[in-house]
Amino acid sequence: MRKTLKSKQRINEVFNAGKKISSPGVVLFWSPADQYCHAVLAGKRLGSAPKRSRAKRRLRAALADLQTLPKAEVVLLATKHTVGRPFGELQRDLGSAFDKLANKLKYS
């Protein structure tokens, strides 16, 4: 089951103190946890509200296609390339970020 992070305090803790994995379409902040949960963010520097909403929808759609999810709290931050990037490339970006996360969790 895909659980979402809803507490602003917990999202800020992961965002500020968590580790970071960057790719062109998304920046992934993470912190180890007992189960998987996530939050999707798009800052105001990304543009207007419709553009931010579209970026978040695209990240959620790409996230829905992932099969295995690590035991971590994850905050996905949209970048300026999230909206204009072809969806297949966005999926690859997210997949490679989660692969890197899985490797870091395995060896930590």
PDB file of N, CA and C in Angstrom:
ATOM      1  N   MET A   1       0.841  -1.182   0.000  1.00  0.00           N
ATOM      2  CA  MET A   1       0.000   0.000   0.000  1.00  0.00           C
ATOM      3  C   MET A   1       0.890   1.251   0.000  1.00  0.00           C
ATOM      4  N   ARG A   2       0.491   2.254  -0.730  1.00  0.00           N
ATOM      5  CA  ARG A   2       1.257   3.492  -0.828  1.00  0.00           C
ATOM      6  C   ARG A   2       0.683   4.511   0.141  1.00  0.00           C
ATOM      7  N   LYS A   3       1.429   4.769   1.168  1.00  0.00           N
ATOM      8  CA  LYS A   3       1.006   5.707   2.195  1.00  0.00           C
ATOM      9  C   LYS A   3       1.635   7.073   1.913  1.00  0.00           C
ATOM     10  N   THR A   4       0.895   8.132   2.200  1.00  0.00           N
ATOM     11  CA  THR A   4       1.437   9.465   1.967  1.00  0.00           C
ATOM     12  C   THR A   4       1.840  10.123   3.281  1.00  0.00           C
ATOM     13  N   LEU A   5       2.887  10.921   3.207  1.00  0.00           N
ATOM     14  CA  LEU A   5       3.294  11.739   4.344  1.00  0.00           C
ATOM     15  C   LEU A   5       2.372  12.949   4.386  1.00  0.00           C
ATOM     16  N   LYS A   6       1.715  13.175   5.485  1.00  0.00           N
ATOM     17  CA  LYS A   6       0.773  14.288   5.561  1.00  0.00           C
ATOM     18  C   LYS A   6       1.200  15.360   6.556  1.00  0.00           C
ATOM     19  N   SER A   7       2.035  14.994   7.507  1.00  0.00           N
ATOM     20  CA  SER A   7       2.469  15.940   8.518  1.00  0.00           C
ATOM     21  C   SER A   7       3.524  16.885   7.938  1.00  0.00           C
ATOM     22  N   LYS A   8       3.241  18.167   7.989  1.00  0.00           N
ATOM     23  CA  LYS A   8       4.193  19.149   7.478  1.00  0.00           C
ATOM     24  C   LYS A   8       5.517  19.067   8.236  1.00  0.00           C
ATOM     25  N   GLN A   9       5.426  18.790   9.524  1.00  0.00           N
ATOM     26  CA  GLN A   9       6.635  18.672  10.337  1.00  0.00           C
ATOM     27  C   GLN A   9       7.502  17.505   9.848  1.00  0.00           C
ATOM     28  N   ARG A  10       6.885  16.345   9.577  1.00  0.00           N
ATOM     29  CA  ARG A  10       7.647  15.183   9.134  1.00  0.00           C
ATOM     30  C   ARG A  10       8.213  15.401   7.723  1.00  0.00           C
ATOM     31  N   ILE A  11       7.421  16.035   6.857  1.00  0.00           N
ATOM     32  CA  ILE A  11       7.913  16.338   5.510  1.00  0.00           C
ATOM     33  C   ILE A  11       9.125  17.253   5.592  1.00  0.00           C
ATOM     34  N   ASN A  12       9.075  18.267   6.445  1.00  0.00           N
ATOM     35  CA  ASN A  12      10.217  19.179   6.613  1.00  0.00           C
ATOM     36  C   ASN A  12      11.426  18.464   7.183  1.00  0.00           C
ATOM     37  N   GLU A  13      11.213  17.516   8.101  1.00  0.00           N
ATOM     38  CA  GLU A  13      12.339  16.749   8.656  1.00  0.00           C
ATOM     39  C   GLU A  13      13.033  15.947   7.563  1.00  0.00           C
ATOM     40  N   VAL A  14      12.252  15.266   6.731  1.00  0.00           N
ATOM     41  CA  VAL A  14      12.843  14.479   5.645  1.00  0.00           C
ATOM     42  C   VAL A  14      13.515  15.408   4.640  1.00  0.00           C
ATOM     43  N   PHE A  15      12.845  16.503   4.316  1.00  0.00           N
ATOM     44  CA  PHE A  15      13.365  17.459   3.333  1.00  0.00           C
ATOM     45  C   PHE A  15      14.667  18.094   3.813  1.00  0.00           C
ATOM     46  N   ASN A  16      14.738  18.486   5.077  1.00  0.00           N
ATOM     47  CA  ASN A  16      15.907  19.200   5.591  1.00  0.00           C
ATOM     48  C   ASN A  16      17.023  18.282   6.069  1.00  0.00           C
ATOM     49  N   ALA A  17      16.680  17.185   6.736  1.00  0.00           N
ATOM     50  CA  ALA A  17      17.709  16.337   7.322  1.00  0.00           C
ATOM     51  C   ALA A  17      17.949  15.057   6.527  1.00  0.00           C
ATOM     52  N   GLY A  18      17.054  14.746   5.604  1.00  0.00           N
ATOM     53  CA  GLY A  18      17.201  13.518   4.831  1.00  0.00           C
ATOM     54  C   GLY A  18      18.314  13.612   3.805  1.00  0.00           C
ATOM     55  N   LYS A  19      18.573  12.495   3.168  1.00  0.00           N
ATOM     56  CA  LYS A  19      19.583  12.456   2.120  1.00  0.00           C
ATOM     57  C   LYS A  19      18.922  12.756   0.785  1.00  0.00           C
ATOM     58  N   LYS A  20      19.724  13.117  -0.226  1.00  0.00           N
ATOM     59  CA  LYS A  20      19.184  13.604  -1.491  1.00  0.00           C
ATOM     60  C   LYS A  20      19.739  12.813  -2.666  1.00  0.00           C
ATOM     61  N   ILE A  21      18.842  12.510  -3.610  1.00  0.00           N
ATOM     62  CA  ILE A  21      19.229  11.890  -4.881  1.00  0.00           C
ATOM     63  C   ILE A  21      18.624  12.755  -5.980  1.00  0.00           C
ATOM     64  N   SER A  22      19.459  13.239  -6.890  1.00  0.00           N
ATOM     65  CA  SER A  22      18.992  14.144  -7.941  1.00  0.00           C
ATOM     66  C   SER A  22      18.998  13.465  -9.301  1.00  0.00           C
ATOM     67  N   SER A  23      18.031  13.826 -10.108  1.00  0.00           N
ATOM     68  CA  SER A  23      17.994  13.451 -11.513  1.00  0.00           C
ATOM     69  C   SER A  23      17.352  14.623 -12.248  1.00  0.00           C
ATOM     70  N   PRO A  24      17.402  14.655 -13.589  1.00  0.00           N
ATOM     71  CA  PRO A  24      16.878  15.826 -14.301  1.00  0.00           C
ATOM     72  C   PRO A  24      15.398  16.111 -14.043  1.00  0.00           C
ATOM     73  N   GLY A  25      14.573  15.086 -13.865  1.00  0.00           N
ATOM     74  CA  GLY A  25      13.139  15.295 -13.725  1.00  0.00           C
ATOM     75  C   GLY A  25      12.632  15.385 -12.314  1.00  0.00           C
ATOM     76  N   VAL A  26      13.441  14.970 -11.339  1.00  0.00           N
ATOM     77  CA  VAL A  26      12.960  14.921  -9.952  1.00  0.00           C
ATOM     78  C   VAL A  26      14.146  14.934  -8.986  1.00  0.00           C
ATOM     79  N   VAL A  27      13.918  15.515  -7.816  1.00  0.00           N
ATOM     80  CA  VAL A  27      14.883  15.425  -6.719  1.00  0.00           C
ATOM     81  C   VAL A  27      14.192  14.621  -5.621  1.00  0.00           C
ATOM     82  N   LEU A  28      14.854  13.575  -5.161  1.00  0.00           N
ATOM     83  CA  LEU A  28      14.286  12.668  -4.176  1.00  0.00           C
ATOM     84  C   LEU A  28      15.016  12.854  -2.853  1.00  0.00           C
ATOM     85  N   PHE A  29      14.292  13.243  -1.819  1.00  0.00           N
ATOM     86  CA  PHE A  29      14.831  13.325  -0.463  1.00  0.00           C
ATOM     87  C   PHE A  29      14.305  12.115   0.285  1.00  0.00           C
ATOM     88  N   TRP A  30      15.160  11.476   1.087  1.00  0.00           N
ATOM     89  CA  TRP A  30      14.708  10.263   1.753  1.00  0.00           C
ATOM     90  C   TRP A  30      15.311  10.112   3.143  1.00  0.00           C
ATOM     91  N   SER A  31      14.612   9.328   3.932  1.00  0.00           N
ATOM     92  CA  SER A  31      15.056   8.990   5.270  1.00  0.00           C
ATOM     93  C   SER A  31      14.599   7.561   5.534  1.00  0.00           C
ATOM     94  N   PRO A  32      15.453   6.687   6.104  1.00  0.00           N
ATOM     95  CA  PRO A  32      15.044   5.304   6.363  1.00  0.00           C
ATOM     96  C   PRO A  32      13.825   5.247   7.291  1.00  0.00           C
ATOM     97  N   ALA A  33      12.973   4.250   7.086  1.00  0.00           N
ATOM     98  CA  ALA A  33      11.758   4.104   7.890  1.00  0.00           C
ATOM     99  C   ALA A  33      11.358   2.627   7.923  1.00  0.00           C
ATOM    100  N   ASP A  34      10.333   2.317   8.706  1.00  0.00           N
ATOM    101  CA  ASP A  34       9.839   0.946   8.801  1.00  0.00           C
ATOM    102  C   ASP A  34       8.979   0.557   7.608  1.00  0.00           C
ATOM    103  N   GLN A  35       8.339   1.529   6.987  1.00  0.00           N
ATOM    104  CA  GLN A  35       7.507   1.262   5.822  1.00  0.00           C
ATOM    105  C   GLN A  35       7.624   2.425   4.841  1.00  0.00           C
ATOM    106  N   TYR A  36       7.190   2.182   3.605  1.00  0.00           N
ATOM    107  CA  TYR A  36       7.271   3.212   2.577  1.00  0.00           C
ATOM    108  C   TYR A  36       6.161   4.236   2.761  1.00  0.00           C
ATOM    109  N   CYS A  37       6.502   5.512   2.642  1.00  0.00           N
ATOM    110  CA  CYS A  37       5.513   6.589   2.547  1.00  0.00           C
ATOM    111  C   CYS A  37       6.176   7.745   1.795  1.00  0.00           C
ATOM    112  N   HIS A  38       5.341   8.565   1.161  1.00  0.00           N
ATOM    113  CA  HIS A  38       5.893   9.605   0.295  1.00  0.00           C
ATOM    114  C   HIS A  38       5.070  10.883   0.351  1.00  0.00           C
ATOM    115  N   ALA A  39       5.673  11.942  -0.150  1.00  0.00           N
ATOM    116  CA  ALA A  39       5.007  13.225  -0.374  1.00  0.00           C
ATOM    117  C   ALA A  39       5.538  13.770  -1.691  1.00  0.00           C
ATOM    118  N   VAL A  40       4.694  14.483  -2.430  1.00  0.00           N
ATOM    119  CA  VAL A  40       5.085  15.068  -3.704  1.00  0.00           C
ATOM    120  C   VAL A  40       4.955  16.585  -3.580  1.00  0.00           C
ATOM    121  N   LEU A  41       6.054  17.302  -3.845  1.00  0.00           N
ATOM    122  CA  LEU A  41       6.074  18.750  -3.703  1.00  0.00           C
ATOM    123  C   LEU A  41       6.496  19.425  -5.004  1.00  0.00           C
ATOM    124  N   ALA A  42       5.977  20.639  -5.199  1.00  0.00           N
ATOM    125  CA  ALA A  42       6.402  21.486  -6.312  1.00  0.00           C
ATOM    126  C   ALA A  42       6.433  22.915  -5.787  1.00  0.00           C
ATOM    127  N   GLY A  43       7.607  23.504  -5.750  1.00  0.00           N
ATOM    128  CA  GLY A  43       7.766  24.852  -5.203  1.00  0.00           C
ATOM    129  C   GLY A  43       7.270  25.937  -6.132  1.00  0.00           C
ATOM    130  N   LYS A  44       7.084  27.115  -5.580  1.00  0.00           N
ATOM    131  CA  LYS A  44       6.561  28.237  -6.360  1.00  0.00           C
ATOM    132  C   LYS A  44       7.517  28.684  -7.461  1.00  0.00           C
ATOM    133  N   ARG A  45       8.798  28.393  -7.317  1.00  0.00           N
ATOM    134  CA  ARG A  45       9.734  28.807  -8.368  1.00  0.00           C
ATOM    135  C   ARG A  45       9.503  28.016  -9.659  1.00  0.00           C
ATOM    136  N   LEU A  46       8.696  26.946  -9.571  1.00  0.00           N
ATOM    137  CA  LEU A  46       8.364  26.151 -10.751  1.00  0.00           C
ATOM    138  C   LEU A  46       7.431  26.904 -11.689  1.00  0.00           C
ATOM    139  N   GLY A  47       6.601  27.796 -11.144  1.00  0.00           N
ATOM    140  CA  GLY A  47       5.712  28.575 -11.993  1.00  0.00           C
ATOM    141  C   GLY A  47       4.326  28.717 -11.394  1.00  0.00           C
ATOM    142  N   SER A  48       3.341  28.875 -12.265  1.00  0.00           N
ATOM    143  CA  SER A  48       1.964  29.106 -11.835  1.00  0.00           C
ATOM    144  C   SER A  48       1.366  27.847 -11.192  1.00  0.00           C
ATOM    145  N   ALA A  49       0.234  28.017 -10.528  1.00  0.00           N
ATOM    146  CA  ALA A  49      -0.427  26.904  -9.849  1.00  0.00           C
ATOM    147  C   ALA A  49      -0.771  25.758 -10.804  1.00  0.00           C
ATOM    148  N   PRO A  50      -1.310  26.017 -11.999  1.00  0.00           N
ATOM    149  CA  PRO A  50      -1.583  24.904 -12.904  1.00  0.00           C
ATOM    150  C   PRO A  50      -0.328  24.134 -13.314  1.00  0.00           C
ATOM    151  N   LYS A  51       0.777  24.848 -13.477  1.00  0.00           N
ATOM    152  CA  LYS A  51       2.037  24.190 -13.843  1.00  0.00           C
ATOM    153  C   LYS A  51       2.543  23.319 -12.686  1.00  0.00           C
ATOM    154  N   ARG A  52       2.438  23.822 -11.472  1.00  0.00           N
ATOM    155  CA  ARG A  52       2.852  23.038 -10.292  1.00  0.00           C
ATOM    156  C   ARG A  52       1.965  21.809 -10.135  1.00  0.00           C
ATOM    157  N   SER A  53       0.660  21.979 -10.336  1.00  0.00           N
ATOM    158  CA  SER A  53      -0.267  20.849 -10.225  1.00  0.00           C
ATOM    159  C   SER A  53       0.032  19.787 -11.278  1.00  0.00           C
ATOM    160  N   ARG A  54       0.329  20.231 -12.482  1.00  0.00           N
ATOM    161  CA  ARG A  54       0.647  19.277 -13.540  1.00  0.00           C
ATOM    162  C   ARG A  54       1.924  18.508 -13.212  1.00  0.00           C
ATOM    163  N   ALA A  55       2.925  19.192 -12.677  1.00  0.00           N
ATOM    164  CA  ALA A  55       4.177  18.529 -12.301  1.00  0.00           C
ATOM    165  C   ALA A  55       3.912  17.464 -11.236  1.00  0.00           C
ATOM    166  N   LYS A  56       3.089  17.794 -10.238  1.00  0.00           N
ATOM    167  CA  LYS A  56       2.779  16.818  -9.184  1.00  0.00           C
ATOM    168  C   LYS A  56       1.987  15.638  -9.736  1.00  0.00           C
ATOM    169  N   ARG A  57       1.034  15.896 -10.627  1.00  0.00           N
ATOM    170  CA  ARG A  57       0.259  14.807 -11.231  1.00  0.00           C
ATOM    171  C   ARG A  57       1.157  13.872 -12.028  1.00  0.00           C
ATOM    172  N   ARG A  58       2.093  14.455 -12.776  1.00  0.00           N
ATOM    173  CA  ARG A  58       3.012  13.625 -13.573  1.00  0.00           C
ATOM    174  C   ARG A  58       3.900  12.766 -12.678  1.00  0.00           C
ATOM    175  N   LEU A  59       4.383  13.332 -11.565  1.00  0.00           N
ATOM    176  CA  LEU A  59       5.214  12.548 -10.645  1.00  0.00           C
ATOM    177  C   LEU A  59       4.400  11.424  -9.992  1.00  0.00           C
ATOM    178  N   ARG A  60       3.154  11.727  -9.601  1.00  0.00           N
ATOM    179  CA  ARG A  60       2.309  10.683  -9.008  1.00  0.00           C
ATOM    180  C   ARG A  60       2.022   9.563 -10.005  1.00  0.00           C
ATOM    181  N   ALA A  61       1.797   9.919 -11.276  1.00  0.00           N
ATOM    182  CA  ALA A  61       1.536   8.915 -12.309  1.00  0.00           C
ATOM    183  C   ALA A  61       2.777   8.046 -12.543  1.00  0.00           C
ATOM    184  N   ALA A  62       3.937   8.661 -12.588  1.00  0.00           N
ATOM    185  CA  ALA A  62       5.179   7.899 -12.764  1.00  0.00           C
ATOM    186  C   ALA A  62       5.438   7.015 -11.550  1.00  0.00           C
ATOM    187  N   LEU A  63       5.107   7.508 -10.376  1.00  0.00           N
ATOM    188  CA  LEU A  63       5.278   6.737  -9.139  1.00  0.00           C
ATOM    189  C   LEU A  63       4.348   5.534  -9.108  1.00  0.00           C
ATOM    190  N   ALA A  64       3.160   5.670  -9.662  1.00  0.00           N
ATOM    191  CA  ALA A  64       2.185   4.573  -9.668  1.00  0.00           C
ATOM    192  C   ALA A  64       2.677   3.389 -10.497  1.00  0.00           C
ATOM    193  N   ASP A  65       3.554   3.635 -11.468  1.00  0.00           N
ATOM    194  CA  ASP A  65       4.056   2.562 -12.319  1.00  0.00           C
ATOM    195  C   ASP A  65       5.199   1.768 -11.691  1.00  0.00           C
ATOM    196  N   LEU A  66       5.768   2.257 -10.607  1.00  0.00           N
ATOM    197  CA  LEU A  66       6.868   1.541  -9.964  1.00  0.00           C
ATOM    198  C   LEU A  66       6.343   0.301  -9.247  1.00  0.00           C
ATOM    199  N   GLN A  67       7.079  -0.797  -9.377  1.00  0.00           N
ATOM    200  CA  GLN A  67       6.641  -2.061  -8.796  1.00  0.00           C
ATOM    201  C   GLN A  67       7.094  -2.227  -7.348  1.00  0.00           C
ATOM    202  N   THR A  68       8.369  -2.026  -7.099  1.00  0.00           N
ATOM    203  CA  THR A  68       8.899  -2.222  -5.749  1.00  0.00           C
ATOM    204  C   THR A  68       9.275  -0.878  -5.142  1.00  0.00           C
ATOM    205  N   LEU A  69       8.924  -0.713  -3.890  1.00  0.00           N
ATOM    206  CA  LEU A  69       9.207   0.534  -3.189  1.00  0.00           C
ATOM    207  C   LEU A  69      10.004   0.227  -1.932  1.00  0.00           C
ATOM    208  N   PRO A  70      11.053   0.988  -1.660  1.00  0.00           N
ATOM    209  CA  PRO A  70      11.900   0.727  -0.498  1.00  0.00           C
ATOM    210  C   PRO A  70      11.232   1.156   0.805  1.00  0.00           C
ATOM    211  N   LYS A  71      11.756   0.658   1.906  1.00  0.00           N
ATOM    212  CA  LYS A  71      11.261   1.063   3.226  1.00  0.00           C
ATOM    213  C   LYS A  71      11.944   2.371   3.604  1.00  0.00           C
ATOM    214  N   ALA A  72      11.306   3.451   3.216  1.00  0.00           N
ATOM    215  CA  ALA A  72      11.858   4.785   3.471  1.00  0.00           C
ATOM    216  C   ALA A  72      10.743   5.812   3.362  1.00  0.00           C
ATOM    217  N   GLU A  73      10.965   6.931   4.022  1.00  0.00           N
ATOM    218  CA  GLU A  73      10.097   8.085   3.839  1.00  0.00           C
ATOM    219  C   GLU A  73      10.715   8.904   2.721  1.00  0.00           C
ATOM    220  N   VAL A  74       9.915   9.200   1.699  1.00  0.00           N
ATOM    221  CA  VAL A  74      10.427   9.833   0.491  1.00  0.00           C
ATOM    222  C   VAL A  74       9.653  11.119   0.221  1.00  0.00           C
ATOM    223  N   VAL A  75      10.382  12.180  -0.078  1.00  0.00           N
ATOM    224  CA  VAL A  75       9.775  13.431  -0.533  1.00  0.00           C
ATOM    225  C   VAL A  75      10.283  13.663  -1.949  1.00  0.00           C
ATOM    226  N   LEU A  76       9.349  13.712  -2.904  1.00  0.00           N
ATOM    227  CA  LEU A  76       9.686  13.955  -4.298  1.00  0.00           C
ATOM    228  C   LEU A  76       9.475  15.429  -4.600  1.00  0.00           C
ATOM    229  N   LEU A  77      10.503  16.080  -5.102  1.00  0.00           N
ATOM    230  CA  LEU A  77      10.433  17.500  -5.424  1.00  0.00           C
ATOM    231  C   LEU A  77      10.526  17.664  -6.932  1.00  0.00           C
ATOM    232  N   ALA A  78       9.515  18.296  -7.524  1.00  0.00           N
ATOM    233  CA  ALA A  78       9.503  18.538  -8.968  1.00  0.00           C
ATOM    234  C   ALA A  78      10.571  19.568  -9.326  1.00  0.00           C
ATOM    235  N   THR A  79      11.187  19.388 -10.491  1.00  0.00           N
ATOM    236  CA  THR A  79      12.169  20.350 -10.993  1.00  0.00           C
ATOM    237  C   THR A  79      11.560  21.102 -12.182  1.00  0.00           C
ATOM    238  N   LYS A  80      12.300  22.057 -12.709  1.00  0.00           N
ATOM    239  CA  LYS A  80      11.790  22.823 -13.844  1.00  0.00           C
ATOM    240  C   LYS A  80      11.629  21.948 -15.085  1.00  0.00           C
ATOM    241  N   HIS A  81      12.263  20.778 -15.117  1.00  0.00           N
ATOM    242  CA  HIS A  81      12.169  19.872 -16.258  1.00  0.00           C
ATOM    243  C   HIS A  81      11.021  18.874 -16.136  1.00  0.00           C
ATOM    244  N   THR A  82      10.373  18.799 -14.984  1.00  0.00           N
ATOM    245  CA  THR A  82       9.339  17.795 -14.747  1.00  0.00           C
ATOM    246  C   THR A  82       8.169  17.942 -15.714  1.00  0.00           C
ATOM    247  N   VAL A  83       7.716  19.147 -15.960  1.00  0.00           N
ATOM    248  CA  VAL A  83       6.538  19.361 -16.796  1.00  0.00           C
ATOM    249  C   VAL A  83       6.843  19.110 -18.273  1.00  0.00           C
ATOM    250  N   GLY A  84       7.966  19.594 -18.770  1.00  0.00           N
ATOM    251  CA  GLY A  84       8.274  19.501 -20.193  1.00  0.00           C
ATOM    252  C   GLY A  84       8.948  18.215 -20.613  1.00  0.00           C
ATOM    253  N   ARG A  85       9.403  17.426 -19.672  1.00  0.00           N
ATOM    254  CA  ARG A  85      10.130  16.200 -19.989  1.00  0.00           C
ATOM    255  C   ARG A  85       9.162  15.131 -20.505  1.00  0.00           C
ATOM    256  N   PRO A  86       9.524  14.386 -21.552  1.00  0.00           N
ATOM    257  CA  PRO A  86       8.660  13.292 -21.999  1.00  0.00           C
ATOM    258  C   PRO A  86       8.411  12.299 -20.859  1.00  0.00           C
ATOM    259  N   PHE A  87       7.187  11.764 -20.821  1.00  0.00           N
ATOM    260  CA  PHE A  87       6.791  10.945 -19.678  1.00  0.00           C
ATOM    261  C   PHE A  87       7.676   9.709 -19.517  1.00  0.00           C
ATOM    262  N   GLY A  88       8.093   9.102 -20.609  1.00  0.00           N
ATOM    263  CA  GLY A  88       8.967   7.929 -20.526  1.00  0.00           C
ATOM    264  C   GLY A  88      10.292   8.256 -19.847  1.00  0.00           C
ATOM    265  N   GLU A  89      10.842   9.423 -20.166  1.00  0.00           N
ATOM    266  CA  GLU A  89      12.096   9.845 -19.540  1.00  0.00           C
ATOM    267  C   GLU A  89      11.882  10.162 -18.067  1.00  0.00           C
ATOM    268  N   LEU A  90      10.731  10.750 -17.746  1.00  0.00           N
ATOM    269  CA  LEU A  90      10.419  11.042 -16.343  1.00  0.00           C
ATOM    270  C   LEU A  90      10.311   9.744 -15.552  1.00  0.00           C
ATOM    271  N   GLN A  91       9.690   8.730 -16.146  1.00  0.00           N
ATOM    272  CA  GLN A  91       9.599   7.422 -15.489  1.00  0.00           C
ATOM    273  C   GLN A  91      10.986   6.825 -15.278  1.00  0.00           C
ATOM    274  N   ARG A  92      11.853   6.940 -16.277  1.00  0.00           N
ATOM    275  CA  ARG A  92      13.221   6.427 -16.127  1.00  0.00           C
ATOM    276  C   ARG A  92      13.979   7.187 -15.039  1.00  0.00           C
ATOM    277  N   ASP A  93      13.810   8.517 -14.991  1.00  0.00           N
ATOM    278  CA  ASP A  93      14.451   9.315 -13.945  1.00  0.00           C
ATOM    279  C   ASP A  93      14.024   8.837 -12.563  1.00  0.00           C
ATOM    280  N   LEU A  94      12.719   8.668 -12.385  1.00  0.00           N
ATOM    281  CA  LEU A  94      12.190   8.249 -11.092  1.00  0.00           C
ATOM    282  C   LEU A  94      12.639   6.824 -10.767  1.00  0.00           C
ATOM    283  N   GLY A  95      12.605   5.950 -11.767  1.00  0.00           N
ATOM    284  CA  GLY A  95      13.044   4.567 -11.559  1.00  0.00           C
ATOM    285  C   GLY A  95      14.504   4.489 -11.164  1.00  0.00           C
ATOM    286  N   SER A  96      15.362   5.262 -11.828  1.00  0.00           N
ATOM    287  CA  SER A  96      16.790   5.229 -11.489  1.00  0.00           C
ATOM    288  C   SER A  96      17.034   5.834 -10.110  1.00  0.00           C
ATOM    289  N   ALA A  97      16.270   6.870  -9.747  1.00  0.00           N
ATOM    290  CA  ALA A  97      16.413   7.450  -8.406  1.00  0.00           C
ATOM    291  C   ALA A  97      16.022   6.424  -7.342  1.00  0.00           C
ATOM    292  N   PHE A  98      14.944   5.677  -7.571  1.00  0.00           N
ATOM    293  CA  PHE A  98      14.537   4.656  -6.605  1.00  0.00           C
ATOM    294  C   PHE A  98      15.507   3.486  -6.580  1.00  0.00           C
ATOM    295  N   ASP A  99      16.130   3.142  -7.722  1.00  0.00           N
ATOM    296  CA  ASP A  99      17.163   2.103  -7.736  1.00  0.00           C
ATOM    297  C   ASP A  99      18.362   2.535  -6.897  1.00  0.00           C
ATOM    298  N   LYS A 100      18.775   3.797  -7.045  1.00  0.00           N
ATOM    299  CA  LYS A 100      19.884   4.313  -6.236  1.00  0.00           C
ATOM    300  C   LYS A 100      19.526   4.270  -4.760  1.00  0.00           C
ATOM    301  N   LEU A 101      18.281   4.639  -4.442  1.00  0.00           N
ATOM    302  CA  LEU A 101      17.819   4.610  -3.054  1.00  0.00           C
ATOM    303  C   LEU A 101      17.863   3.197  -2.505  1.00  0.00           C
ATOM    304  N   ALA A 102      17.390   2.217  -3.279  1.00  0.00           N
ATOM    305  CA  ALA A 102      17.396   0.822  -2.828  1.00  0.00           C
ATOM    306  C   ALA A 102      18.822   0.347  -2.553  1.00  0.00           C
ATOM    307  N   ASN A 103      19.770   0.733  -3.425  1.00  0.00           N
ATOM    308  CA  ASN A 103      21.171   0.348  -3.204  1.00  0.00           C
ATOM    309  C   ASN A 103      21.740   0.998  -1.952  1.00  0.00           C
ATOM    310  N   LYS A 104      21.402   2.272  -1.721  1.00  0.00           N
ATOM    311  CA  LYS A 104      21.904   2.954  -0.529  1.00  0.00           C
ATOM    312  C   LYS A 104      21.331   2.331   0.738  1.00  0.00           C
ATOM    313  N   LEU A 105      20.056   1.930   0.702  1.00  0.00           N
ATOM    314  CA  LEU A 105      19.439   1.298   1.868  1.00  0.00           C
ATOM    315  C   LEU A 105      20.027  -0.086   2.114  1.00  0.00           C
ATOM    316  N   LYS A 106      20.362  -0.788   1.030  1.00  0.00           N
ATOM    317  CA  LYS A 106      20.914  -2.134   1.159  1.00  0.00           C
ATOM    318  C   LYS A 106      22.283  -2.110   1.826  1.00  0.00           C
ATOM    319  N   TYR A 107      23.074  -1.092   1.501  1.00  0.00           N
ATOM    320  CA  TYR A 107      24.450  -1.038   1.995  1.00  0.00           C
ATOM    321  C   TYR A 107      24.650  -0.102   3.180  1.00  0.00           C
ATOM    322  N   SER A 108      23.551   0.368   3.769  1.00  0.00           N
ATOM    323  CA  SER A 108      23.724   1.249   4.938  1.00  0.00           C
ATOM    324  C   SER A 108      23.375   0.541   6.222  1.00  0.00           C
TER     325      SER A 108
END
